[in-house]
Amino acid sequence: MERKNLWAPWRIKYIQSLSESSDCFICHNMDNPGDDDKNLVLWRTEKSIVILNRFPYNNGHLLIAPARHFSDLDQADEEELLDLLKLVRESQKALSLAIKPHGFNVGMNFGRCAGAGLPGHLHIHVVPRWDGDTNFINVCSDTDVISQSLTDLLELLKQASKDHDLPGL
């Protein structure tokens, strides 16, 4: 049987970035509010930021991070913890309104060995899920199929946020 390839060339930027010592993209986004659309920033609060993941596991994959750069939960103060959890809730609401997932995975990875692509800046993943979205593509070929452009999704989420008084910029 002839082996076939399913190309996912957008993943190379992520793979290459794992070995680079680069600035923290979350801190970069915090410091550049004028570039929020370009940087796929959905919301900001005084304590946190919500960003679309450039290398999503599924359509609508969001990252929620504190504004302050730290890596572990024990470094967060009570206000930061509360703000992060509130943004998880509001992110689920916005995603439910905009793209109607059947469920969510919400999680955190601490350390590169645990899957953290950015181990220096704590962040929470909010990943929308649909019944049957794990299929032969990701099971057999370790490839994710993303059904919508990030810029289209960002606009859809912003509109849902505006229509339903969810956190704004």
C-alpha atoms as a PDB file:
ATOM      1  CA  MET A   1       0.000   0.000   0.000  1.00  0.00           C
ATOM      2  CA  GLU A   2       1.318   3.412  -0.971  1.00  0.00           C
ATOM      3  CA  ARG A   3       1.837   5.795   1.941  1.00  0.00           C
ATOM      4  CA  LYS A   4       0.054   9.122   1.600  1.00  0.00           C
ATOM      5  CA  ASN A   5       0.794  12.383   3.350  1.00  0.00           C
ATOM      6  CA  LEU A   6      -1.579  14.891   4.808  1.00  0.00           C
ATOM      7  CA  TRP A   7       0.280  18.189   4.826  1.00  0.00           C
ATOM      8  CA  ALA A   8      -0.106  20.654   7.707  1.00  0.00           C
ATOM      9  CA  PRO A   9       2.577  23.242   6.849  1.00  0.00           C
ATOM     10  CA  TRP A  10       1.284  25.839   9.322  1.00  0.00           C
ATOM     11  CA  ARG A  11       2.513  23.626  12.180  1.00  0.00           C
ATOM     12  CA  ILE A  12       6.205  24.141  11.288  1.00  0.00           C
ATOM     13  CA  LYS A  13       6.280  27.609  12.890  1.00  0.00           C
ATOM     14  CA  TYR A  14       5.151  26.081  16.170  1.00  0.00           C
ATOM     15  CA  ILE A  15       7.580  23.158  15.932  1.00  0.00           C
ATOM     16  CA  GLN A  16      10.507  25.457  15.161  1.00  0.00           C
ATOM     17  CA  SER A  17       9.568  27.826  17.962  1.00  0.00           C
ATOM     18  CA  LEU A  18       9.963  25.081  20.571  1.00  0.00           C
ATOM     19  CA  SER A  19      13.757  25.227  20.264  1.00  0.00           C
ATOM     20  CA  GLU A  20      14.023  29.011  19.963  1.00  0.00           C
ATOM     21  CA  SER A  21      14.631  31.203  22.931  1.00  0.00           C
ATOM     22  CA  SER A  22      12.197  33.957  22.158  1.00  0.00           C
ATOM     23  CA  ASP A  23      10.224  36.566  23.971  1.00  0.00           C
ATOM     24  CA  CYS A  24       6.982  35.473  25.568  1.00  0.00           C
ATOM     25  CA  PHE A  25       4.220  36.003  23.013  1.00  0.00           C
ATOM     26  CA  ILE A  26       1.663  36.533  25.782  1.00  0.00           C
ATOM     27  CA  CYS A  27       3.729  39.365  27.288  1.00  0.00           C
ATOM     28  CA  HIS A  28       4.286  40.764  23.796  1.00  0.00           C
ATOM     29  CA  ASN A  29       0.514  40.798  23.270  1.00  0.00           C
ATOM     30  CA  MET A  30      -0.033  42.451  26.670  1.00  0.00           C
ATOM     31  CA  ASP A  31       2.430  45.204  25.765  1.00  0.00           C
ATOM     32  CA  ASN A  32       0.953  45.912  22.313  1.00  0.00           C
ATOM     33  CA  PRO A  33      -2.793  46.595  22.619  1.00  0.00           C
ATOM     34  CA  GLY A  34      -2.817  48.428  19.295  1.00  0.00           C
ATOM     35  CA  ASP A  35      -2.053  45.127  17.559  1.00  0.00           C
ATOM     36  CA  ASP A  36      -4.841  43.096  19.190  1.00  0.00           C
ATOM     37  CA  ASP A  37      -6.506  42.042  15.935  1.00  0.00           C
ATOM     38  CA  LYS A  38      -3.176  41.022  14.382  1.00  0.00           C
ATOM     39  CA  ASN A  39      -2.260  39.161  17.581  1.00  0.00           C
ATOM     40  CA  LEU A  40      -5.700  37.484  17.794  1.00  0.00           C
ATOM     41  CA  VAL A  41      -6.506  39.017  21.188  1.00  0.00           C
ATOM     42  CA  LEU A  42     -10.180  38.572  21.999  1.00  0.00           C
ATOM     43  CA  TRP A  43     -10.406  40.303  25.388  1.00  0.00           C
ATOM     44  CA  ARG A  44      -8.337  42.067  28.002  1.00  0.00           C
ATOM     45  CA  THR A  45      -9.055  42.758  31.627  1.00  0.00           C
ATOM     46  CA  GLU A  46      -6.866  44.575  34.128  1.00  0.00           C
ATOM     47  CA  LYS A  47      -5.441  41.209  35.249  1.00  0.00           C
ATOM     48  CA  SER A  48      -5.695  38.913  32.194  1.00  0.00           C
ATOM     49  CA  ILE A  49      -5.837  38.420  28.453  1.00  0.00           C
ATOM     50  CA  VAL A  50      -7.760  36.009  26.176  1.00  0.00           C
ATOM     51  CA  ILE A  51      -6.068  35.042  22.894  1.00  0.00           C
ATOM     52  CA  LEU A  52      -6.969  32.674  20.053  1.00  0.00           C
ATOM     53  CA  ASN A  53      -4.389  29.897  19.884  1.00  0.00           C
ATOM     54  CA  ARG A  54      -2.394  30.197  16.619  1.00  0.00           C
ATOM     55  CA  PHE A  55      -1.775  26.441  16.739  1.00  0.00           C
ATOM     56  CA  PRO A  56      -5.226  25.189  17.804  1.00  0.00           C
ATOM     57  CA  TYR A  57      -6.215  21.651  18.689  1.00  0.00           C
ATOM     58  CA  ASN A  58      -9.721  22.476  17.508  1.00  0.00           C
ATOM     59  CA  ASN A  59     -11.669  25.399  16.088  1.00  0.00           C
ATOM     60  CA  GLY A  60     -12.143  28.039  18.794  1.00  0.00           C
ATOM     61  CA  HIS A  61      -9.156  27.017  20.948  1.00  0.00           C
ATOM     62  CA  LEU A  62      -8.517  29.936  23.341  1.00  0.00           C
ATOM     63  CA  LEU A  63      -5.666  30.733  25.714  1.00  0.00           C
ATOM     64  CA  ILE A  64      -6.408  32.646  28.910  1.00  0.00           C
ATOM     65  CA  ALA A  65      -3.393  34.082  30.712  1.00  0.00           C
ATOM     66  CA  PRO A  66      -2.600  36.475  33.521  1.00  0.00           C
ATOM     67  CA  ALA A  67      -1.170  39.840  32.487  1.00  0.00           C
ATOM     68  CA  ARG A  68       1.755  39.253  34.817  1.00  0.00           C
ATOM     69  CA  HIS A  69       4.471  36.817  33.665  1.00  0.00           C
ATOM     70  CA  PHE A  70       4.761  33.802  35.982  1.00  0.00           C
ATOM     71  CA  SER A  71       4.698  30.045  35.509  1.00  0.00           C
ATOM     72  CA  ASP A  72       2.964  28.394  38.468  1.00  0.00           C
ATOM     73  CA  LEU A  73      -0.405  28.721  40.182  1.00  0.00           C
ATOM     74  CA  ASP A  74       1.195  29.349  43.560  1.00  0.00           C
ATOM     75  CA  GLN A  75       2.586  32.606  42.159  1.00  0.00           C
ATOM     76  CA  ALA A  76      -0.887  33.962  41.346  1.00  0.00           C
ATOM     77  CA  ASP A  77      -2.696  36.219  43.777  1.00  0.00           C
ATOM     78  CA  GLU A  78      -6.378  35.729  44.616  1.00  0.00           C
ATOM     79  CA  GLU A  79      -7.563  38.447  42.208  1.00  0.00           C
ATOM     80  CA  GLU A  80      -5.618  36.899  39.325  1.00  0.00           C
ATOM     81  CA  LEU A  81      -7.014  33.444  40.049  1.00  0.00           C
ATOM     82  CA  LEU A  82     -10.577  34.756  40.201  1.00  0.00           C
ATOM     83  CA  ASP A  83     -10.151  36.765  36.987  1.00  0.00           C
ATOM     84  CA  LEU A  84      -8.754  33.741  35.121  1.00  0.00           C
ATOM     85  CA  LEU A  85     -11.628  31.514  36.189  1.00  0.00           C
ATOM     86  CA  LYS A  86     -14.222  34.152  35.314  1.00  0.00           C
ATOM     87  CA  LEU A  87     -12.671  34.421  31.851  1.00  0.00           C
ATOM     88  CA  VAL A  88     -12.897  30.650  31.421  1.00  0.00           C
ATOM     89  CA  ARG A  89     -16.619  30.942  32.130  1.00  0.00           C
ATOM     90  CA  GLU A  90     -17.091  33.919  29.792  1.00  0.00           C
ATOM     91  CA  SER A  91     -15.020  32.236  27.061  1.00  0.00           C
ATOM     92  CA  GLN A  92     -17.264  29.195  27.200  1.00  0.00           C
ATOM     93  CA  LYS A  93     -20.297  31.481  26.894  1.00  0.00           C
ATOM     94  CA  ALA A  94     -18.855  33.323  23.873  1.00  0.00           C
ATOM     95  CA  LEU A  95     -17.804  30.117  22.144  1.00  0.00           C
ATOM     96  CA  SER A  96     -21.202  28.552  22.812  1.00  0.00           C
ATOM     97  CA  LEU A  97     -22.951  31.527  21.260  1.00  0.00           C
ATOM     98  CA  ALA A  98     -20.610  31.828  18.289  1.00  0.00           C
ATOM     99  CA  ILE A  99     -19.819  28.239  17.244  1.00  0.00           C
ATOM    100  CA  LYS A 100     -22.124  26.044  19.377  1.00  0.00           C
ATOM    101  CA  PRO A 101     -19.779  23.310  20.617  1.00  0.00           C
ATOM    102  CA  HIS A 102     -21.209  20.289  22.427  1.00  0.00           C
ATOM    103  CA  GLY A 103     -18.627  20.476  25.219  1.00  0.00           C
ATOM    104  CA  PHE A 104     -15.225  21.807  26.279  1.00  0.00           C
ATOM    105  CA  ASN A 105     -11.822  20.677  27.416  1.00  0.00           C
ATOM    106  CA  VAL A 106     -10.347  23.168  29.891  1.00  0.00           C
ATOM    107  CA  GLY A 107      -6.829  22.563  31.115  1.00  0.00           C
ATOM    108  CA  MET A 108      -3.353  23.687  32.047  1.00  0.00           C
ATOM    109  CA  ASN A 109       0.076  22.211  31.358  1.00  0.00           C
ATOM    110  CA  PHE A 110       2.959  22.878  33.756  1.00  0.00           C
ATOM    111  CA  GLY A 111       6.413  22.251  32.288  1.00  0.00           C
ATOM    112  CA  ARG A 112       7.440  21.278  28.779  1.00  0.00           C
ATOM    113  CA  CYS A 113       7.346  17.567  29.678  1.00  0.00           C
ATOM    114  CA  ALA A 114       3.646  18.001  30.541  1.00  0.00           C
ATOM    115  CA  GLY A 115       2.883  19.567  27.175  1.00  0.00           C
ATOM    116  CA  ALA A 116       3.416  23.263  27.912  1.00  0.00           C
ATOM    117  CA  GLY A 117       4.459  24.975  24.691  1.00  0.00           C
ATOM    118  CA  LEU A 118       5.118  28.152  26.690  1.00  0.00           C
ATOM    119  CA  PRO A 119       6.179  26.916  30.128  1.00  0.00           C
ATOM    120  CA  GLY A 120       7.234  30.340  31.429  1.00  0.00           C
ATOM    121  CA  HIS A 121       3.825  32.033  31.301  1.00  0.00           C
ATOM    122  CA  LEU A 122       0.886  30.321  32.971  1.00  0.00           C
ATOM    123  CA  HIS A 123      -2.132  29.949  30.700  1.00  0.00           C
ATOM    124  CA  ILE A 124      -5.377  28.013  30.522  1.00  0.00           C
ATOM    125  CA  HIS A 125      -6.563  26.220  27.385  1.00  0.00           C
ATOM    126  CA  VAL A 126     -10.267  26.335  26.524  1.00  0.00           C
ATOM    127  CA  VAL A 127     -10.906  23.897  23.676  1.00  0.00           C
ATOM    128  CA  PRO A 128     -14.402  23.541  22.190  1.00  0.00           C
ATOM    129  CA  ARG A 129     -15.434  19.972  21.363  1.00  0.00           C
ATOM    130  CA  TRP A 130     -18.180  18.414  19.253  1.00  0.00           C
ATOM    131  CA  ASP A 131     -19.636  14.930  19.330  1.00  0.00           C
ATOM    132  CA  GLY A 132     -17.584  12.870  16.901  1.00  0.00           C
ATOM    133  CA  ASP A 133     -14.800  15.442  16.411  1.00  0.00           C
ATOM    134  CA  THR A 134     -12.138  12.841  17.168  1.00  0.00           C
ATOM    135  CA  ASN A 135     -11.946  10.838  13.993  1.00  0.00           C
ATOM    136  CA  PHE A 136      -9.467   8.901  11.887  1.00  0.00           C
ATOM    137  CA  ILE A 137      -7.550  12.067  10.939  1.00  0.00           C
ATOM    138  CA  ASN A 138      -6.345  12.945  14.420  1.00  0.00           C
ATOM    139  CA  VAL A 139      -6.311   9.385  15.730  1.00  0.00           C
ATOM    140  CA  CYS A 140      -4.256   7.881  12.889  1.00  0.00           C
ATOM    141  CA  SER A 141      -2.197  10.784  11.642  1.00  0.00           C
ATOM    142  CA  ASP A 142      -1.771  13.064  14.681  1.00  0.00           C
ATOM    143  CA  THR A 143      -3.267  15.896  12.601  1.00  0.00           C
ATOM    144  CA  ASP A 144      -5.923  18.403  13.583  1.00  0.00           C
ATOM    145  CA  VAL A 145      -8.480  19.648  11.089  1.00  0.00           C
ATOM    146  CA  ILE A 146      -9.457  23.246  11.809  1.00  0.00           C
ATOM    147  CA  SER A 147     -12.649  24.306  10.075  1.00  0.00           C
ATOM    148  CA  GLN A 148     -12.461  28.103  10.258  1.00  0.00           C
ATOM    149  CA  SER A 149      -9.842  30.829   9.811  1.00  0.00           C
ATOM    150  CA  LEU A 150      -8.610  32.467  12.999  1.00  0.00           C
ATOM    151  CA  THR A 151      -9.494  35.977  11.790  1.00  0.00           C
ATOM    152  CA  ASP A 152     -13.066  34.925  10.906  1.00  0.00           C
ATOM    153  CA  LEU A 153     -13.437  33.270  14.296  1.00  0.00           C
ATOM    154  CA  LEU A 154     -12.057  36.323  16.113  1.00  0.00           C
ATOM    155  CA  GLU A 155     -14.662  38.551  14.452  1.00  0.00           C
ATOM    156  CA  LEU A 156     -17.462  36.084  15.230  1.00  0.00           C
ATOM    157  CA  LEU A 157     -16.443  35.916  18.908  1.00  0.00           C
ATOM    158  CA  LYS A 158     -16.155  39.699  19.163  1.00  0.00           C
ATOM    159  CA  GLN A 159     -19.657  40.092  17.741  1.00  0.00           C
ATOM    160  CA  ALA A 160     -21.088  37.475  20.122  1.00  0.00           C
ATOM    161  CA  SER A 161     -19.330  39.246  23.012  1.00  0.00           C
ATOM    162  CA  LYS A 162     -20.763  42.600  21.984  1.00  0.00           C
ATOM    163  CA  ASP A 163     -24.272  41.206  21.479  1.00  0.00           C
ATOM    164  CA  HIS A 164     -24.311  39.540  24.910  1.00  0.00           C
ATOM    165  CA  ASP A 165     -22.324  42.011  27.061  1.00  0.00           C
ATOM    166  CA  LEU A 166     -19.399  39.665  27.606  1.00  0.00           C
ATOM    167  CA  PRO A 167     -15.972  41.105  28.547  1.00  0.00           C
ATOM    168  CA  GLY A 168     -14.678  43.663  26.096  1.00  0.00           C
ATOM    169  CA  LEU A 169     -11.367  45.248  25.330  1.00  0.00           C
END
